[in-house]
C-alpha atoms as a PDB file:
ATOM      1  CA  MET A   1     -59.493  30.565  24.837  1.00  0.00           C
ATOM      2  CA  GLU A   2     -55.874  30.722  23.841  1.00  0.00           C
ATOM      3  CA  ASP A   3     -56.431  33.622  21.644  1.00  0.00           C
ATOM      4  CA  ILE A   4     -58.103  35.373  24.433  1.00  0.00           C
ATOM      5  CA  ARG A   5     -55.443  34.680  26.903  1.00  0.00           C
ATOM      6  CA  ARG A   6     -52.902  36.011  24.296  1.00  0.00           C
ATOM      7  CA  ALA A   7     -54.948  39.129  23.874  1.00  0.00           C
ATOM      8  CA  GLU A   8     -55.191  39.848  27.652  1.00  0.00           C
ATOM      9  CA  LEU A   9     -51.259  39.801  27.802  1.00  0.00           C
ATOM     10  CA  LEU A  10     -50.936  42.453  24.974  1.00  0.00           C
ATOM     11  CA  ASP A  11     -52.406  45.251  27.122  1.00  0.00           C
ATOM     12  CA  LEU A  12     -50.167  44.357  30.017  1.00  0.00           C
ATOM     13  CA  ARG A  13     -46.910  44.390  28.055  1.00  0.00           C
ATOM     14  CA  GLU A  14     -45.581  47.485  29.795  1.00  0.00           C
ATOM     15  CA  TYR A  15     -45.308  45.360  32.895  1.00  0.00           C
ATOM     16  CA  PHE A  16     -43.058  42.860  31.246  1.00  0.00           C
ATOM     17  CA  PRO A  17     -39.788  44.487  29.793  1.00  0.00           C
ATOM     18  CA  PRO A  18     -37.128  42.109  28.594  1.00  0.00           C
ATOM     19  CA  GLY A  19     -35.070  40.363  31.442  1.00  0.00           C
ATOM     20  CA  ILE A  20     -37.706  40.694  34.140  1.00  0.00           C
ATOM     21  CA  ARG A  21     -38.098  37.633  36.214  1.00  0.00           C
ATOM     22  CA  VAL A  22     -41.808  36.303  36.107  1.00  0.00           C
ATOM     23  CA  LEU A  23     -43.582  33.570  38.018  1.00  0.00           C
ATOM     24  CA  GLU A  24     -46.704  32.374  36.517  1.00  0.00           C
ATOM     25  CA  LEU A  25     -49.358  30.747  38.771  1.00  0.00           C
ATOM     26  CA  GLY A  26     -51.610  28.218  37.079  1.00  0.00           C
ATOM     27  CA  GLY A  27     -49.710  27.897  33.906  1.00  0.00           C
ATOM     28  CA  GLY A  28     -52.182  25.418  32.092  1.00  0.00           C
ATOM     29  CA  HIS A  29     -50.830  24.731  28.689  1.00  0.00           C
ATOM     30  CA  GLY A  30     -48.108  27.362  28.962  1.00  0.00           C
ATOM     31  CA  VAL A  31     -49.563  29.536  26.339  1.00  0.00           C
ATOM     32  CA  GLN A  32     -49.022  32.876  28.370  1.00  0.00           C
ATOM     33  CA  ALA A  33     -45.776  31.778  29.648  1.00  0.00           C
ATOM     34  CA  ALA A  34     -44.646  31.183  26.130  1.00  0.00           C
ATOM     35  CA  VAL A  35     -45.739  34.788  25.357  1.00  0.00           C
ATOM     36  CA  LEU A  36     -43.873  36.222  28.227  1.00  0.00           C
ATOM     37  CA  ALA A  37     -40.746  34.289  27.218  1.00  0.00           C
ATOM     38  CA  SER A  38     -41.035  35.503  23.743  1.00  0.00           C
ATOM     39  CA  TRP A  39     -40.843  39.057  25.006  1.00  0.00           C
ATOM     40  CA  GLY A  40     -37.505  38.386  26.487  1.00  0.00           C
ATOM     41  CA  CYS A  41     -38.896  37.669  30.186  1.00  0.00           C
ATOM     42  CA  VAL A  42     -37.213  34.996  32.318  1.00  0.00           C
ATOM     43  CA  VAL A  43     -40.350  32.977  33.136  1.00  0.00           C
ATOM     44  CA  GLN A  44     -40.978  30.092  35.656  1.00  0.00           C
ATOM     45  CA  SER A  45     -44.503  28.692  35.443  1.00  0.00           C
ATOM     46  CA  VAL A  46     -46.167  26.425  37.984  1.00  0.00           C
ATOM     47  CA  ASP A  47     -49.411  24.468  38.131  1.00  0.00           C
ATOM     48  CA  LEU A  48     -51.067  21.710  40.102  1.00  0.00           C
ATOM     49  CA  ALA A  49     -49.563  18.241  40.039  1.00  0.00           C
ATOM     50  CA  GLY A  50     -51.902  15.736  38.516  1.00  0.00           C
ATOM     51  CA  ARG A  51     -53.975  18.200  36.602  1.00  0.00           C
ATOM     52  CA  ASP A  52     -55.865  17.133  33.437  1.00  0.00           C
ATOM     53  CA  ILE A  53     -53.803  18.372  30.359  1.00  0.00           C
ATOM     54  CA  HIS A  54     -54.712  17.420  26.794  1.00  0.00           C
ATOM     55  CA  GLY A  55     -52.353  18.163  23.964  1.00  0.00           C
ATOM     56  CA  ASP A  56     -48.904  19.523  23.852  1.00  0.00           C
ATOM     57  CA  LEU A  57     -47.521  22.199  26.346  1.00  0.00           C
ATOM     58  CA  ALA A  58     -46.518  25.484  24.802  1.00  0.00           C
ATOM     59  CA  PHE A  59     -44.021  26.039  27.661  1.00  0.00           C
ATOM     60  CA  PRO A  60     -42.550  23.734  30.446  1.00  0.00           C
ATOM     61  CA  ILE A  61     -44.819  23.800  33.474  1.00  0.00           C
ATOM     62  CA  GLN A  62     -43.425  22.771  36.890  1.00  0.00           C
ATOM     63  CA  ASP A  63     -45.847  20.928  39.277  1.00  0.00           C
ATOM     64  CA  TYR A  64     -46.415  22.288  42.779  1.00  0.00           C
ATOM     65  CA  ASP A  65     -49.096  21.564  45.545  1.00  0.00           C
ATOM     66  CA  GLY A  66     -51.067  24.728  44.924  1.00  0.00           C
ATOM     67  CA  VAL A  67     -49.784  26.421  48.043  1.00  0.00           C
ATOM     68  CA  HIS A  68     -46.035  26.069  48.537  1.00  0.00           C
ATOM     69  CA  ILE A  69     -44.155  27.849  45.716  1.00  0.00           C
ATOM     70  CA  PRO A  70     -40.921  25.662  44.859  1.00  0.00           C
ATOM     71  CA  PHE A  71     -38.517  28.753  44.597  1.00  0.00           C
ATOM     72  CA  GLY A  72     -36.367  30.661  47.116  1.00  0.00           C
ATOM     73  CA  ASP A  73     -37.090  33.933  48.708  1.00  0.00           C
ATOM     74  CA  ASP A  74     -36.759  37.131  46.540  1.00  0.00           C
ATOM     75  CA  SER A  75     -36.709  35.112  43.297  1.00  0.00           C
ATOM     76  CA  PHE A  76     -39.042  37.215  41.021  1.00  0.00           C
ATOM     77  CA  ASP A  77     -39.883  40.657  40.014  1.00  0.00           C
ATOM     78  CA  ILE A  78     -43.472  39.858  39.188  1.00  0.00           C
ATOM     79  CA  VAL A  79     -45.862  37.134  40.114  1.00  0.00           C
ATOM     80  CA  PHE A  80     -48.527  36.826  37.420  1.00  0.00           C
ATOM     81  CA  SER A  81     -51.842  34.861  37.361  1.00  0.00           C
ATOM     82  CA  SER A  82     -54.889  34.850  34.959  1.00  0.00           C
ATOM     83  CA  ASN A  83     -58.197  33.509  36.168  1.00  0.00           C
ATOM     84  CA  VAL A  84     -56.452  31.334  38.820  1.00  0.00           C
ATOM     85  CA  LEU A  85     -56.687  32.729  42.281  1.00  0.00           C
ATOM     86  CA  GLU A  86     -60.466  32.178  42.355  1.00  0.00           C
ATOM     87  CA  HIS A  87     -59.802  28.394  42.166  1.00  0.00           C
ATOM     88  CA  VAL A  88     -57.376  28.353  45.141  1.00  0.00           C
ATOM     89  CA  VAL A  89     -58.639  26.829  48.306  1.00  0.00           C
ATOM     90  CA  SER A  90     -55.755  28.097  50.647  1.00  0.00           C
ATOM     91  CA  LEU A  91     -55.599  31.564  48.938  1.00  0.00           C
ATOM     92  CA  ARG A  92     -54.173  33.585  51.843  1.00  0.00           C
ATOM     93  CA  GLU A  93     -51.373  30.949  52.296  1.00  0.00           C
ATOM     94  CA  LEU A  94     -50.654  31.061  48.568  1.00  0.00           C
ATOM     95  CA  LEU A  95     -50.616  34.762  48.455  1.00  0.00           C
ATOM     96  CA  GLY A  96     -48.187  34.797  51.481  1.00  0.00           C
ATOM     97  CA  GLU A  97     -45.923  32.653  49.408  1.00  0.00           C
ATOM     98  CA  THR A  98     -46.048  34.988  46.711  1.00  0.00           C
ATOM     99  CA  ARG A  99     -44.939  37.807  49.106  1.00  0.00           C
ATOM    100  CA  ARG A 100     -41.926  35.615  50.118  1.00  0.00           C
ATOM    101  CA  VAL A 101     -40.690  35.016  46.474  1.00  0.00           C
ATOM    102  CA  LEU A 102     -41.141  38.554  45.311  1.00  0.00           C
ATOM    103  CA  VAL A 103     -38.101  40.952  45.545  1.00  0.00           C
ATOM    104  CA  SER A 104     -38.336  44.112  47.475  1.00  0.00           C
ATOM    105  CA  GLY A 105     -40.510  46.456  45.208  1.00  0.00           C
ATOM    106  CA  GLY A 106     -41.881  43.453  43.319  1.00  0.00           C
ATOM    107  CA  THR A 107     -45.354  43.435  41.933  1.00  0.00           C
ATOM    108  CA  GLY A 108     -48.222  41.015  41.861  1.00  0.00           C
ATOM    109  CA  LEU A 109     -50.316  41.230  38.711  1.00  0.00           C
ATOM    110  CA  HIS A 110     -53.487  39.263  38.628  1.00  0.00           C
ATOM    111  CA  LEU A 111     -56.439  38.963  36.325  1.00  0.00           C
ATOM    112  CA  MET A 112     -59.750  37.946  38.075  1.00  0.00           C
ATOM    113  CA  PRO A 113     -63.105  37.235  36.870  1.00  0.00           C
ATOM    114  CA  SER A 114     -65.617  40.167  37.014  1.00  0.00           C
ATOM    115  CA  PRO A 115     -69.176  40.403  38.093  1.00  0.00           C
ATOM    116  CA  ALA A 116     -70.009  40.912  34.542  1.00  0.00           C
ATOM    117  CA  TRP A 117     -68.414  37.750  33.545  1.00  0.00           C
ATOM    118  CA  ARG A 118     -70.293  35.934  36.391  1.00  0.00           C
ATOM    119  CA  PHE A 119     -73.600  37.524  35.254  1.00  0.00           C
ATOM    120  CA  TRP A 120     -73.353  36.646  31.668  1.00  0.00           C
ATOM    121  CA  THR A 121     -71.990  33.228  32.216  1.00  0.00           C
ATOM    122  CA  SER A 122     -75.150  32.625  34.393  1.00  0.00           C
ATOM    123  CA  VAL A 123     -77.405  33.970  31.728  1.00  0.00           C
ATOM    124  CA  THR A 124     -76.007  31.825  29.194  1.00  0.00           C
ATOM    125  CA  HIS A 125     -76.182  28.826  31.383  1.00  0.00           C
ATOM    126  CA  TYR A 126     -79.936  28.931  30.757  1.00  0.00           C
ATOM    127  CA  VAL A 127     -79.274  28.917  26.982  1.00  0.00           C
ATOM    128  CA  SER A 128     -77.120  25.924  27.216  1.00  0.00           C
ATOM    129  CA  VAL A 129     -79.777  24.128  29.279  1.00  0.00           C
ATOM    130  CA  ALA A 130     -82.374  25.001  26.633  1.00  0.00           C
ATOM    131  CA  GLN A 131     -79.978  23.712  23.853  1.00  0.00           C
ATOM    132  CA  PHE A 132     -79.469  20.522  25.735  1.00  0.00           C
ATOM    133  CA  GLY A 133     -83.101  19.967  26.130  1.00  0.00           C
ATOM    134  CA  TRP A 134     -83.861  20.635  22.436  1.00  0.00           C
ATOM    135  CA  ALA A 135     -81.000  18.272  21.399  1.00  0.00           C
ATOM    136  CA  ARG A 136     -82.266  15.553  23.596  1.00  0.00           C
ATOM    137  CA  LEU A 137     -85.865  15.887  22.058  1.00  0.00           C
ATOM    138  CA  ARG A 138     -84.573  15.767  18.668  1.00  0.00           C
ATOM    139  CA  GLY A 139     -82.225  12.809  19.425  1.00  0.00           C
ATOM    140  CA  HIS A 140     -79.206  14.943  18.463  1.00  0.00           C
ATOM    141  CA  SER A 141     -75.682  14.676  20.151  1.00  0.00           C
ATOM    142  CA  ILE A 142     -75.104  17.313  22.761  1.00  0.00           C
ATOM    143  CA  GLN A 143     -71.542  17.470  21.681  1.00  0.00           C
ATOM    144  CA  GLN A 144     -72.749  19.443  18.660  1.00  0.00           C
ATOM    145  CA  MET A 145     -74.410  22.045  20.782  1.00  0.00           C
ATOM    146  CA  GLY A 146     -72.483  24.953  22.085  1.00  0.00           C
ATOM    147  CA  CYS A 147     -69.995  24.824  24.999  1.00  0.00           C
ATOM    148  CA  PHE A 148     -70.457  24.308  28.672  1.00  0.00           C
ATOM    149  CA  GLU A 149     -68.542  25.454  31.818  1.00  0.00           C
ATOM    150  CA  GLY A 150     -67.798  22.393  34.102  1.00  0.00           C
ATOM    151  CA  PRO A 151     -69.302  19.029  33.505  1.00  0.00           C
ATOM    152  CA  ARG A 152     -71.468  18.658  30.434  1.00  0.00           C
ATOM    153  CA  PRO A 153     -75.227  17.862  31.091  1.00  0.00           C
ATOM    154  CA  GLU A 154     -75.134  14.339  29.884  1.00  0.00           C
ATOM    155  CA  GLN A 155     -72.208  13.643  32.229  1.00  0.00           C
ATOM    156  CA  VAL A 156     -74.201  15.138  35.128  1.00  0.00           C
ATOM    157  CA  LEU A 157     -77.150  12.985  34.149  1.00  0.00           C
ATOM    158  CA  ALA A 158     -75.130   9.839  34.125  1.00  0.00           C
ATOM    159  CA  GLN A 159     -73.158  10.503  37.345  1.00  0.00           C
ATOM    160  CA  LYS A 160     -75.434  12.288  39.656  1.00  0.00           C
ATOM    161  CA  GLY A 161     -78.900  11.464  38.452  1.00  0.00           C
ATOM    162  CA  SER A 162     -81.922  13.403  37.120  1.00  0.00           C
ATOM    163  CA  MET A 163     -82.741  15.253  40.524  1.00  0.00           C
ATOM    164  CA  TYR A 164     -79.249  16.592  40.766  1.00  0.00           C
ATOM    165  CA  ALA A 165     -79.145  17.531  37.161  1.00  0.00           C
ATOM    166  CA  LEU A 166     -82.569  19.448  37.602  1.00  0.00           C
ATOM    167  CA  ARG A 167     -81.155  21.353  40.470  1.00  0.00           C
ATOM    168  CA  ARG A 168     -77.971  22.114  38.530  1.00  0.00           C
ATOM    169  CA  ALA A 169     -80.165  23.315  35.593  1.00  0.00           C
ATOM    170  CA  ALA A 170     -82.112  25.630  37.816  1.00  0.00           C
ATOM    171  CA  LEU A 171     -79.105  27.436  39.303  1.00  0.00           C
ATOM    172  CA  PRO A 172     -75.664  27.675  37.620  1.00  0.00           C
ATOM    173  CA  GLY A 173     -72.854  26.105  39.575  1.00  0.00           C
ATOM    174  CA  ALA A 174     -69.929  27.829  41.167  1.00  0.00           C
ATOM    175  CA  HIS A 175     -67.003  28.452  38.930  1.00  0.00           C
ATOM    176  CA  GLY A 176     -64.304  28.573  41.651  1.00  0.00           C
ATOM    177  CA  GLU A 177     -64.215  27.996  45.382  1.00  0.00           C
ATOM    178  CA  TYR A 178     -66.943  30.286  46.570  1.00  0.00           C
ATOM    179  CA  PRO A 179     -70.061  28.305  47.581  1.00  0.00           C
ATOM    180  CA  SER A 180     -72.365  29.371  44.636  1.00  0.00           C
ATOM    181  CA  SER A 181     -72.733  31.452  41.521  1.00  0.00           C
ATOM    182  CA  LEU A 182     -74.757  33.888  43.445  1.00  0.00           C
ATOM    183  CA  THR A 183     -71.984  34.339  45.945  1.00  0.00           C
ATOM    184  CA  GLU A 184     -69.556  34.890  43.056  1.00  0.00           C
ATOM    185  CA  LEU A 185     -71.494  37.638  41.751  1.00  0.00           C
ATOM    186  CA  ALA A 186     -70.633  39.708  44.989  1.00  0.00           C
ATOM    187  CA  ARG A 187     -67.302  38.136  45.621  1.00  0.00           C
ATOM    188  CA  TYR A 188     -65.950  38.946  42.156  1.00  0.00           C
ATOM    189  CA  HIS A 189     -66.484  42.567  42.688  1.00  0.00           C
ATOM    190  CA  PRO A 190     -63.213  44.714  42.788  1.00  0.00           C
ATOM    191  CA  ILE A 191     -63.959  45.825  46.370  1.00  0.00           C
ATOM    192  CA  ALA A 192     -64.322  42.132  47.465  1.00  0.00           C
ATOM    193  CA  TRP A 193     -61.039  41.207  45.766  1.00  0.00           C
ATOM    194  CA  LYS A 194     -59.256  44.227  47.386  1.00  0.00           C
ATOM    195  CA  ARG A 195     -60.314  42.925  50.973  1.00  0.00           C
ATOM    196  CA  VAL A 196     -58.902  39.526  49.862  1.00  0.00           C
ATOM    197  CA  PHE A 197     -55.621  41.021  48.972  1.00  0.00           C
ATOM    198  CA  ARG A 198     -55.371  43.409  51.895  1.00  0.00           C
ATOM    199  CA  SER A 199     -55.994  40.389  54.378  1.00  0.00           C
ATOM    200  CA  ALA A 200     -53.023  38.605  52.750  1.00  0.00           C
ATOM    201  CA  GLY A 201     -50.833  41.718  53.197  1.00  0.00           C
ATOM    202  CA  PHE A 202     -50.936  43.309  49.820  1.00  0.00           C
ATOM    203  CA  HIS A 203     -51.762  46.953  48.828  1.00  0.00           C
ATOM    204  CA  VAL A 204     -53.708  47.222  45.631  1.00  0.00           C
ATOM    205  CA  ASP A 205     -52.133  50.052  43.485  1.00  0.00           C
ATOM    206  CA  ARG A 206     -54.410  49.937  40.534  1.00  0.00           C
ATOM    207  CA  VAL A 207     -57.706  48.016  39.307  1.00  0.00           C
ATOM    208  CA  TRP A 208     -59.279  48.310  35.811  1.00  0.00           C
ATOM    209  CA  GLY A 209     -61.319  46.278  33.443  1.00  0.00           C
ATOM    210  CA  HIS A 210     -59.265  44.630  30.695  1.00  0.00           C
ATOM    211  CA  GLY A 211     -61.757  45.534  28.000  1.00  0.00           C
ATOM    212  CA  LEU A 212     -62.468  42.162  26.638  1.00  0.00           C
ATOM    213  CA  PHE A 213     -65.876  40.468  26.555  1.00  0.00           C
ATOM    214  CA  TYR A 214     -66.339  36.799  26.987  1.00  0.00           C
ATOM    215  CA  ALA A 215     -68.433  34.442  28.958  1.00  0.00           C
ATOM    216  CA  GLY A 216     -68.137  30.779  30.271  1.00  0.00           C
ATOM    217  CA  TYR A 217     -70.454  29.238  27.784  1.00  0.00           C
ATOM    218  CA  GLY A 218     -68.915  30.327  24.545  1.00  0.00           C
ATOM    219  CA  LEU A 219     -71.182  33.315  24.055  1.00  0.00           C
ATOM    220  CA  MET A 220     -70.037  35.092  20.824  1.00  0.00           C
ATOM    221  CA  PRO A 221     -67.237  32.616  20.096  1.00  0.00           C
ATOM    222  CA  ASN A 222     -66.070  34.012  16.793  1.00  0.00           C
ATOM    223  CA  LEU A 223     -65.677  37.687  17.992  1.00  0.00           C
ATOM    224  CA  THR A 224     -62.410  39.299  16.983  1.00  0.00           C
ATOM    225  CA  ARG A 225     -60.389  41.044  19.621  1.00  0.00           C
ATOM    226  CA  ALA A 226     -61.613  44.492  18.398  1.00  0.00           C
ATOM    227  CA  GLY A 227     -65.106  42.939  18.449  1.00  0.00           C
ATOM    228  CA  ARG A 228     -64.800  41.899  22.092  1.00  0.00           C
ATOM    229  CA  ARG A 229     -63.586  45.385  22.891  1.00  0.00           C
ATOM    230  CA  ARG A 230     -66.724  46.852  21.463  1.00  0.00           C
ATOM    231  CA  VAL A 231     -69.029  44.548  23.266  1.00  0.00           C
ATOM    232  CA  ALA A 232     -67.159  45.105  26.485  1.00  0.00           C
ATOM    233  CA  ARG A 233     -67.969  48.721  26.458  1.00  0.00           C
ATOM    234  CA  ILE A 234     -71.646  47.754  26.685  1.00  0.00           C
ATOM    235  CA  LEU A 235     -71.666  44.359  28.584  1.00  0.00           C
ATOM    236  CA  GLY A 236     -68.566  44.804  30.595  1.00  0.00           C
ATOM    237  CA  SER A 237     -65.166  43.359  30.844  1.00  0.00           C
ATOM    238  CA  ALA A 238     -64.797  39.767  31.592  1.00  0.00           C
ATOM    239  CA  CYS A 239     -61.825  40.355  33.969  1.00  0.00           C
ATOM    240  CA  ASN A 240     -60.513  42.944  36.020  1.00  0.00           C
ATOM    241  CA  VAL A 241     -56.727  43.501  36.526  1.00  0.00           C
ATOM    242  CA  PHE A 242     -55.165  43.986  39.921  1.00  0.00           C
ATOM    243  CA  VAL A 243     -51.718  45.586  40.256  1.00  0.00           C
ATOM    244  CA  THR A 244     -50.568  44.738  43.965  1.00  0.00           C
ATOM    245  CA  ARG A 245     -47.522  45.255  46.236  1.00  0.00           C
ATOM    246  CA  PRO A 246     -46.692  43.875  49.565  1.00  0.00           C
ATOM    247  CA  ALA A 247     -48.109  46.284  52.101  1.00  0.00           C
ATOM    248  CA  SER A 248     -44.863  46.626  54.028  1.00  0.00           C
ATOM    249  CA  GLN A 249     -43.249  48.102  50.940  1.00  0.00           C
ATOM    250  CA  VAL A 250     -45.992  50.909  50.543  1.00  0.00           C
END
């Protein structure tokens, strides 16, 4: 996924000239923050305290509580996030905080999962279930079989029991904070995200598909960036890009 995250940024470079002050929400391992810093941006990156991080950080990440941004008013020219806001419980409050820390004329730049990503992730869920069943029948280790979104099937079996595992096999679980994968199929549509931004006091200037295909279960993991672009023209972009501004500045 690190290569995909880097590729996502390349098409957004015009928004990140040298010297611009950027706040990244949900920095993870700091891969995208490191890219932005290499372009000459002045970057601060925050993520939840106590998150599960494996391996070294590519860029320093500051802990926060997921709502209250630990910086002063008018501190940043851009607030950037990639596949983060769908996981935020108190989203309106957090977006309100991004308004506070943006300078007058500042921009929110957010990559959000698309309905195409949700659809193909749901489809490949059943492929992963079949892989798991076949591996169990043959006595193979499931660690060798594909990749899974969320807890692995053997973990679900051990922790939740067989009935829960069967229910989860029948219907893919939610990726973020919406109730179900079916709800996400509708809520990940650009029209729905526009309503979310408007309710938080933002105007959406522009929305477009970022032109890369991927899904949550490692579908076509070895595709090049050019290959992902070709597939996206047929199967859809995994993310939509939203450029926002505080509504009071429109």
